[in-house]
Amino acid sequence: MEKEEMEAGSKCIKCQNGRVALMTTMVGCATLDNEPYEEGVNEGDNETIQLQDYISLSIHACDNCGYVYWSHIED
């Protein structure tokens, strides 16, 4: 299902209470999850790893319900 493009400041179409906000972060480490892809399949080992380079993550998401409209990862 393709998500609808929403600009920052637009009213959230899911909860009708929040506004869409542009959020950005830089990620330098990550915690491996036991089940990130399929239930019952152990893909990770729950350890924290240090990434070689930072990854920039940007999303447009509702500031009330957290619904994500758009995301972009730049490495």
PDB file of N, CA and C in Angstrom:
ATOM      1  N   MET A   1       0.838  -1.181   0.000  1.00  0.00           N
ATOM      2  CA  MET A   1       0.000   0.000   0.000  1.00  0.00           C
ATOM      3  C   MET A   1       0.882   1.243   0.000  1.00  0.00           C
ATOM      4  N   GLU A   2       0.682   2.116  -0.941  1.00  0.00           N
ATOM      5  CA  GLU A   2       1.477   3.326  -1.057  1.00  0.00           C
ATOM      6  C   GLU A   2       0.942   4.402  -0.113  1.00  0.00           C
ATOM      7  N   LYS A   3       1.843   5.031   0.610  1.00  0.00           N
ATOM      8  CA  LYS A   3       1.449   6.076   1.555  1.00  0.00           C
ATOM      9  C   LYS A   3       1.223   7.384   0.812  1.00  0.00           C
ATOM     10  N   GLU A   4       0.299   8.187   1.320  1.00  0.00           N
ATOM     11  CA  GLU A   4      -0.016   9.473   0.714  1.00  0.00           C
ATOM     12  C   GLU A   4       1.045  10.498   1.080  1.00  0.00           C
ATOM     13  N   GLU A   5       1.472  11.304   0.087  1.00  0.00           N
ATOM     14  CA  GLU A   5       2.432  12.381   0.343  1.00  0.00           C
ATOM     15  C   GLU A   5       1.739  13.474   1.142  1.00  0.00           C
ATOM     16  N   MET A   6       2.366  13.873   2.229  1.00  0.00           N
ATOM     17  CA  MET A   6       1.825  14.943   3.064  1.00  0.00           C
ATOM     18  C   MET A   6       2.950  15.928   3.366  1.00  0.00           C
ATOM     19  N   GLU A   7       2.655  17.204   3.302  1.00  0.00           N
ATOM     20  CA  GLU A   7       3.645  18.220   3.632  1.00  0.00           C
ATOM     21  C   GLU A   7       3.647  18.479   5.126  1.00  0.00           C
ATOM     22  N   ALA A   8       4.795  18.915   5.648  1.00  0.00           N
ATOM     23  CA  ALA A   8       4.891  19.294   7.050  1.00  0.00           C
ATOM     24  C   ALA A   8       3.870  20.391   7.337  1.00  0.00           C
ATOM     25  N   GLY A   9       3.182  20.266   8.453  1.00  0.00           N
ATOM     26  CA  GLY A   9       2.165  21.232   8.845  1.00  0.00           C
ATOM     27  C   GLY A   9       0.753  20.838   8.449  1.00  0.00           C
ATOM     28  N   SER A  10       0.608  19.840   7.567  1.00  0.00           N
ATOM     29  CA  SER A  10      -0.712  19.375   7.151  1.00  0.00           C
ATOM     30  C   SER A  10      -1.391  18.637   8.296  1.00  0.00           C
ATOM     31  N   LYS A  11      -2.713  18.659   8.322  1.00  0.00           N
ATOM     32  CA  LYS A  11      -3.473  17.917   9.320  1.00  0.00           C
ATOM     33  C   LYS A  11      -3.379  16.424   9.007  1.00  0.00           C
ATOM     34  N   CYS A  12      -3.195  15.616  10.042  1.00  0.00           N
ATOM     35  CA  CYS A  12      -3.090  14.169   9.870  1.00  0.00           C
ATOM     36  C   CYS A  12      -4.427  13.608   9.387  1.00  0.00           C
ATOM     37  N   ILE A  13      -4.388  12.832   8.310  1.00  0.00           N
ATOM     38  CA  ILE A  13      -5.629  12.248   7.779  1.00  0.00           C
ATOM     39  C   ILE A  13      -6.019  10.976   8.530  1.00  0.00           C
ATOM     40  N   LYS A  14      -5.085  10.427   9.341  1.00  0.00           N
ATOM     41  CA  LYS A  14      -5.403   9.209  10.088  1.00  0.00           C
ATOM     42  C   LYS A  14      -6.134   9.523  11.390  1.00  0.00           C
ATOM     43  N   CYS A  15      -5.562  10.412  12.234  1.00  0.00           N
ATOM     44  CA  CYS A  15      -6.181  10.673  13.540  1.00  0.00           C
ATOM     45  C   CYS A  15      -6.986  11.974  13.570  1.00  0.00           C
ATOM     46  N   GLN A  16      -6.786  12.821  12.587  1.00  0.00           N
ATOM     47  CA  GLN A  16      -7.498  14.104  12.467  1.00  0.00           C
ATOM     48  C   GLN A  16      -7.184  15.088  13.606  1.00  0.00           C
ATOM     49  N   ASN A  17      -6.240  14.760  14.491  1.00  0.00           N
ATOM     50  CA  ASN A  17      -5.912  15.651  15.603  1.00  0.00           C
ATOM     51  C   ASN A  17      -4.527  16.265  15.495  1.00  0.00           C
ATOM     52  N   GLY A  18      -3.582  15.520  14.950  1.00  0.00           N
ATOM     53  CA  GLY A  18      -2.197  15.971  14.898  1.00  0.00           C
ATOM     54  C   GLY A  18      -1.848  16.667  13.602  1.00  0.00           C
ATOM     55  N   ARG A  19      -0.617  17.107  13.550  1.00  0.00           N
ATOM     56  CA  ARG A  19      -0.062  17.734  12.352  1.00  0.00           C
ATOM     57  C   ARG A  19       1.144  16.921  11.901  1.00  0.00           C
ATOM     58  N   VAL A  20       1.399  16.931  10.603  1.00  0.00           N
ATOM     59  CA  VAL A  20       2.538  16.229  10.049  1.00  0.00           C
ATOM     60  C   VAL A  20       3.791  17.055  10.321  1.00  0.00           C
ATOM     61  N   ALA A  21       4.795  16.415  10.904  1.00  0.00           N
ATOM     62  CA  ALA A  21       6.041  17.090  11.234  1.00  0.00           C
ATOM     63  C   ALA A  21       7.197  16.427  10.498  1.00  0.00           C
ATOM     64  N   LEU A  22       8.184  17.226  10.103  1.00  0.00           N
ATOM     65  CA  LEU A  22       9.416  16.694   9.530  1.00  0.00           C
ATOM     66  C   LEU A  22      10.355  16.412  10.689  1.00  0.00           C
ATOM     67  N   MET A  23      10.792  15.163  10.808  1.00  0.00           N
ATOM     68  CA  MET A  23      11.699  14.768  11.874  1.00  0.00           C
ATOM     69  C   MET A  23      12.947  14.174  11.242  1.00  0.00           C
ATOM     70  N   THR A  24      14.107  14.569  11.751  1.00  0.00           N
ATOM     71  CA  THR A  24      15.366  14.040  11.240  1.00  0.00           C
ATOM     72  C   THR A  24      16.252  13.602  12.398  1.00  0.00           C
ATOM     73  N   THR A  25      17.107  12.628  12.131  1.00  0.00           N
ATOM     74  CA  THR A  25      18.060  12.161  13.137  1.00  0.00           C
ATOM     75  C   THR A  25      19.266  11.557  12.438  1.00  0.00           C
ATOM     76  N   MET A  26      20.363  11.471  13.170  1.00  0.00           N
ATOM     77  CA  MET A  26      21.567  10.792  12.701  1.00  0.00           C
ATOM     78  C   MET A  26      21.740   9.551  13.581  1.00  0.00           C
ATOM     79  N   VAL A  27      21.894   8.397  12.948  1.00  0.00           N
ATOM     80  CA  VAL A  27      22.022   7.129  13.672  1.00  0.00           C
ATOM     81  C   VAL A  27      23.466   6.644  13.542  1.00  0.00           C
ATOM     82  N   GLY A  28      24.093   6.347  14.689  1.00  0.00           N
ATOM     83  CA  GLY A  28      25.467   5.879  14.671  1.00  0.00           C
ATOM     84  C   GLY A  28      25.639   4.494  15.259  1.00  0.00           C
ATOM     85  N   CYS A  29      24.619   4.007  15.957  1.00  0.00           N
ATOM     86  CA  CYS A  29      24.671   2.644  16.483  1.00  0.00           C
ATOM     87  C   CYS A  29      23.259   2.081  16.442  1.00  0.00           C
ATOM     88  N   ALA A  30      23.163   0.769  16.567  1.00  0.00           N
ATOM     89  CA  ALA A  30      21.853   0.127  16.473  1.00  0.00           C
ATOM     90  C   ALA A  30      21.821  -1.091  17.373  1.00  0.00           C
ATOM     91  N   THR A  31      20.634  -1.441  17.838  1.00  0.00           N
ATOM     92  CA  THR A  31      20.442  -2.659  18.618  1.00  0.00           C
ATOM     93  C   THR A  31      19.795  -3.696  17.709  1.00  0.00           C
ATOM     94  N   LEU A  32      20.435  -4.845  17.595  1.00  0.00           N
ATOM     95  CA  LEU A  32      19.898  -5.918  16.772  1.00  0.00           C
ATOM     96  C   LEU A  32      18.731  -6.565  17.493  1.00  0.00           C
ATOM     97  N   ASP A  33      17.646  -6.744  16.789  1.00  0.00           N
ATOM     98  CA  ASP A  33      16.422  -7.304  17.349  1.00  0.00           C
ATOM     99  C   ASP A  33      16.367  -8.793  17.054  1.00  0.00           C
ATOM    100  N   ASN A  34      15.797  -9.538  17.980  1.00  0.00           N
ATOM    101  CA  ASN A  34      15.647 -10.972  17.753  1.00  0.00           C
ATOM    102  C   ASN A  34      14.756 -11.296  16.568  1.00  0.00           C
ATOM    103  N   GLU A  35      13.701 -10.494  16.334  1.00  0.00           N
ATOM    104  CA  GLU A  35      12.740 -10.818  15.286  1.00  0.00           C
ATOM    105  C   GLU A  35      12.363  -9.583  14.464  1.00  0.00           C
ATOM    106  N   PRO A  36      13.311  -9.016  13.710  1.00  0.00           N
ATOM    107  CA  PRO A  36      12.963  -7.804  12.976  1.00  0.00           C
ATOM    108  C   PRO A  36      12.150  -8.033  11.695  1.00  0.00           C
ATOM    109  N   TYR A  37      12.152  -9.233  11.154  1.00  0.00           N
ATOM    110  CA  TYR A  37      11.488  -9.440   9.868  1.00  0.00           C
ATOM    111  C   TYR A  37      10.331 -10.416   9.922  1.00  0.00           C
ATOM    112  N   GLU A  38      10.538 -11.578  10.521  1.00  0.00           N
ATOM    113  CA  GLU A  38       9.496 -12.605  10.550  1.00  0.00           C
ATOM    114  C   GLU A  38       9.347 -13.152  11.958  1.00  0.00           C
ATOM    115  N   GLU A  39       8.122 -13.299  12.377  1.00  0.00           N
ATOM    116  CA  GLU A  39       7.863 -13.873  13.698  1.00  0.00           C
ATOM    117  C   GLU A  39       8.386 -15.295  13.758  1.00  0.00           C
ATOM    118  N   GLY A  40       9.093 -15.587  14.833  1.00  0.00           N
ATOM    119  CA  GLY A  40       9.601 -16.934  15.028  1.00  0.00           C
ATOM    120  C   GLY A  40      10.929 -17.218  14.362  1.00  0.00           C
ATOM    121  N   VAL A  41      11.459 -16.284  13.559  1.00  0.00           N
ATOM    122  CA  VAL A  41      12.751 -16.464  12.908  1.00  0.00           C
ATOM    123  C   VAL A  41      13.749 -15.546  13.597  1.00  0.00           C
ATOM    124  N   ASN A  42      14.803 -16.106  14.153  1.00  0.00           N
ATOM    125  CA  ASN A  42      15.788 -15.345  14.922  1.00  0.00           C
ATOM    126  C   ASN A  42      16.864 -14.799  13.983  1.00  0.00           C
ATOM    127  N   GLU A  43      16.733 -13.507  13.575  1.00  0.00           N
ATOM    128  CA  GLU A  43      17.692 -12.903  12.651  1.00  0.00           C
ATOM    129  C   GLU A  43      18.819 -12.161  13.351  1.00  0.00           C
ATOM    130  N   GLY A  44      18.628 -11.720  14.589  1.00  0.00           N
ATOM    131  CA  GLY A  44      19.626 -10.922  15.278  1.00  0.00           C
ATOM    132  C   GLY A  44      20.055 -11.569  16.574  1.00  0.00           C
ATOM    133  N   ASP A  45      20.871 -10.839  17.355  1.00  0.00           N
ATOM    134  CA  ASP A  45      21.352 -11.412  18.610  1.00  0.00           C
ATOM    135  C   ASP A  45      21.221 -10.436  19.778  1.00  0.00           C
ATOM    136  N   ASN A  46      20.387  -9.405  19.634  1.00  0.00           N
ATOM    137  CA  ASN A  46      20.099  -8.434  20.696  1.00  0.00           C
ATOM    138  C   ASN A  46      21.330  -7.676  21.192  1.00  0.00           C
ATOM    139  N   GLU A  47      22.379  -7.582  20.389  1.00  0.00           N
ATOM    140  CA  GLU A  47      23.554  -6.816  20.771  1.00  0.00           C
ATOM    141  C   GLU A  47      23.510  -5.448  20.108  1.00  0.00           C
ATOM    142  N   THR A  48      24.196  -4.486  20.713  1.00  0.00           N
ATOM    143  CA  THR A  48      24.319  -3.164  20.110  1.00  0.00           C
ATOM    144  C   THR A  48      25.538  -3.156  19.208  1.00  0.00           C
ATOM    145  N   ILE A  49      25.377  -2.646  17.997  1.00  0.00           N
ATOM    146  CA  ILE A  49      26.487  -2.570  17.057  1.00  0.00           C
ATOM    147  C   ILE A  49      26.805  -1.113  16.756  1.00  0.00           C
ATOM    148  N   GLN A  50      28.046  -0.828  16.465  1.00  0.00           N
ATOM    149  CA  GLN A  50      28.467   0.506  16.048  1.00  0.00           C
ATOM    150  C   GLN A  50      28.543   0.503  14.527  1.00  0.00           C
ATOM    151  N   LEU A  51      27.869   1.462  13.878  1.00  0.00           N
ATOM    152  CA  LEU A  51      27.901   1.543  12.423  1.00  0.00           C
ATOM    153  C   LEU A  51      29.192   2.218  11.976  1.00  0.00           C
ATOM    154  N   GLN A  52      29.676   1.887  10.779  1.00  0.00           N
ATOM    155  CA  GLN A  52      30.911   2.484  10.271  1.00  0.00           C
ATOM    156  C   GLN A  52      30.748   3.981  10.045  1.00  0.00           C
ATOM    157  N   ASP A  53      29.629   4.384   9.503  1.00  0.00           N
ATOM    158  CA  ASP A  53      29.317   5.790   9.243  1.00  0.00           C
ATOM    159  C   ASP A  53      27.933   6.080   9.777  1.00  0.00           C
ATOM    160  N   TYR A  54      27.677   7.350  10.035  1.00  0.00           N
ATOM    161  CA  TYR A  54      26.339   7.741  10.467  1.00  0.00           C
ATOM    162  C   TYR A  54      25.353   7.611   9.313  1.00  0.00           C
ATOM    163  N   ILE A  55      24.116   7.293   9.644  1.00  0.00           N
ATOM    164  CA  ILE A  55      23.023   7.222   8.677  1.00  0.00           C
ATOM    165  C   ILE A  55      22.050   8.335   9.020  1.00  0.00           C
ATOM    166  N   SER A  56      21.632   9.103   8.014  1.00  0.00           N
ATOM    167  CA  SER A  56      20.667  10.170   8.206  1.00  0.00           C
ATOM    168  C   SER A  56      19.269   9.635   7.900  1.00  0.00           C
ATOM    169  N   LEU A  57      18.359   9.791   8.862  1.00  0.00           N
ATOM    170  CA  LEU A  57      16.981   9.327   8.717  1.00  0.00           C
ATOM    171  C   LEU A  57      16.052  10.522   8.810  1.00  0.00           C
ATOM    172  N   SER A  58      15.194  10.697   7.811  1.00  0.00           N
ATOM    173  CA  SER A  58      14.199  11.770   7.806  1.00  0.00           C
ATOM    174  C   SER A  58      12.821  11.152   7.595  1.00  0.00           C
ATOM    175  N   ILE A  59      11.828  11.647   8.344  1.00  0.00           N
ATOM    176  CA  ILE A  59      10.459  11.168   8.158  1.00  0.00           C
ATOM    177  C   ILE A  59       9.477  12.328   8.254  1.00  0.00           C
ATOM    178  N   HIS A  60       8.352  12.181   7.592  1.00  0.00           N
ATOM    179  CA  HIS A  60       7.178  13.017   7.807  1.00  0.00           C
ATOM    180  C   HIS A  60       6.217  12.133   8.591  1.00  0.00           C
ATOM    181  N   ALA A  61       5.912  12.518   9.832  1.00  0.00           N
ATOM    182  CA  ALA A  61       5.046  11.707  10.687  1.00  0.00           C
ATOM    183  C   ALA A  61       4.140  12.610  11.508  1.00  0.00           C
ATOM    184  N   CYS A  62       2.992  12.080  11.930  1.00  0.00           N
ATOM    185  CA  CYS A  62       2.039  12.818  12.753  1.00  0.00           C
ATOM    186  C   CYS A  62       2.620  13.019  14.152  1.00  0.00           C
ATOM    187  N   ASP A  63       2.533  14.245  14.658  1.00  0.00           N
ATOM    188  CA  ASP A  63       3.047  14.542  15.996  1.00  0.00           C
ATOM    189  C   ASP A  63       2.100  14.064  17.093  1.00  0.00           C
ATOM    190  N   ASN A  64       0.942  13.542  16.723  1.00  0.00           N
ATOM    191  CA  ASN A  64      -0.024  13.035  17.708  1.00  0.00           C
ATOM    192  C   ASN A  64      -0.049  11.503  17.744  1.00  0.00           C
ATOM    193  N   CYS A  65      -0.316  10.870  16.611  1.00  0.00           N
ATOM    194  CA  CYS A  65      -0.467   9.406  16.594  1.00  0.00           C
ATOM    195  C   CYS A  65       0.782   8.676  16.105  1.00  0.00           C
ATOM    196  N   GLY A  66       1.746   9.389  15.518  1.00  0.00           N
ATOM    197  CA  GLY A  66       2.982   8.775  15.069  1.00  0.00           C
ATOM    198  C   GLY A  66       2.920   8.113  13.705  1.00  0.00           C
ATOM    199  N   TYR A  67       1.804   8.205  13.008  1.00  0.00           N
ATOM    200  CA  TYR A  67       1.671   7.602  11.684  1.00  0.00           C
ATOM    201  C   TYR A  67       2.711   8.190  10.742  1.00  0.00           C
ATOM    202  N   VAL A  68       3.470   7.332  10.056  1.00  0.00           N
ATOM    203  CA  VAL A  68       4.530   7.782   9.156  1.00  0.00           C
ATOM    204  C   VAL A  68       3.981   7.864   7.732  1.00  0.00           C
ATOM    205  N   TYR A  69       4.087   9.051   7.132  1.00  0.00           N
ATOM    206  CA  TYR A  69       3.648   9.279   5.754  1.00  0.00           C
ATOM    207  C   TYR A  69       4.770   9.058   4.751  1.00  0.00           C
ATOM    208  N   TRP A  70       5.996   9.377   5.136  1.00  0.00           N
ATOM    209  CA  TRP A  70       7.125   9.349   4.219  1.00  0.00           C
ATOM    210  C   TRP A  70       8.400   9.137   5.015  1.00  0.00           C
ATOM    211  N   SER A  71       9.338   8.395   4.474  1.00  0.00           N
ATOM    212  CA  SER A  71      10.630   8.236   5.132  1.00  0.00           C
ATOM    213  C   SER A  71      11.732   8.186   4.101  1.00  0.00           C
ATOM    214  N   HIS A  72      12.911   8.619   4.516  1.00  0.00           N
ATOM    215  CA  HIS A  72      14.066   8.624   3.634  1.00  0.00           C
ATOM    216  C   HIS A  72      15.309   8.311   4.455  1.00  0.00           C
ATOM    217  N   ILE A  73      16.117   7.371   3.992  1.00  0.00           N
ATOM    218  CA  ILE A  73      17.370   7.027   4.645  1.00  0.00           C
ATOM    219  C   ILE A  73      18.498   7.371   3.693  1.00  0.00           C
ATOM    220  N   GLU A  74      19.478   8.115   4.200  1.00  0.00           N
ATOM    221  CA  GLU A  74      20.637   8.490   3.398  1.00  0.00           C
ATOM    222  C   GLU A  74      21.885   7.995   4.117  1.00  0.00           C
ATOM    223  N   ASP A  75      22.697   7.224   3.414  1.00  0.00           N
ATOM    224  CA  ASP A  75      23.918   6.736   4.054  1.00  0.00           C
ATOM    225  C   ASP A  75      25.146   7.361   3.454  1.00  0.00           C
TER     226      ASP A  75
END
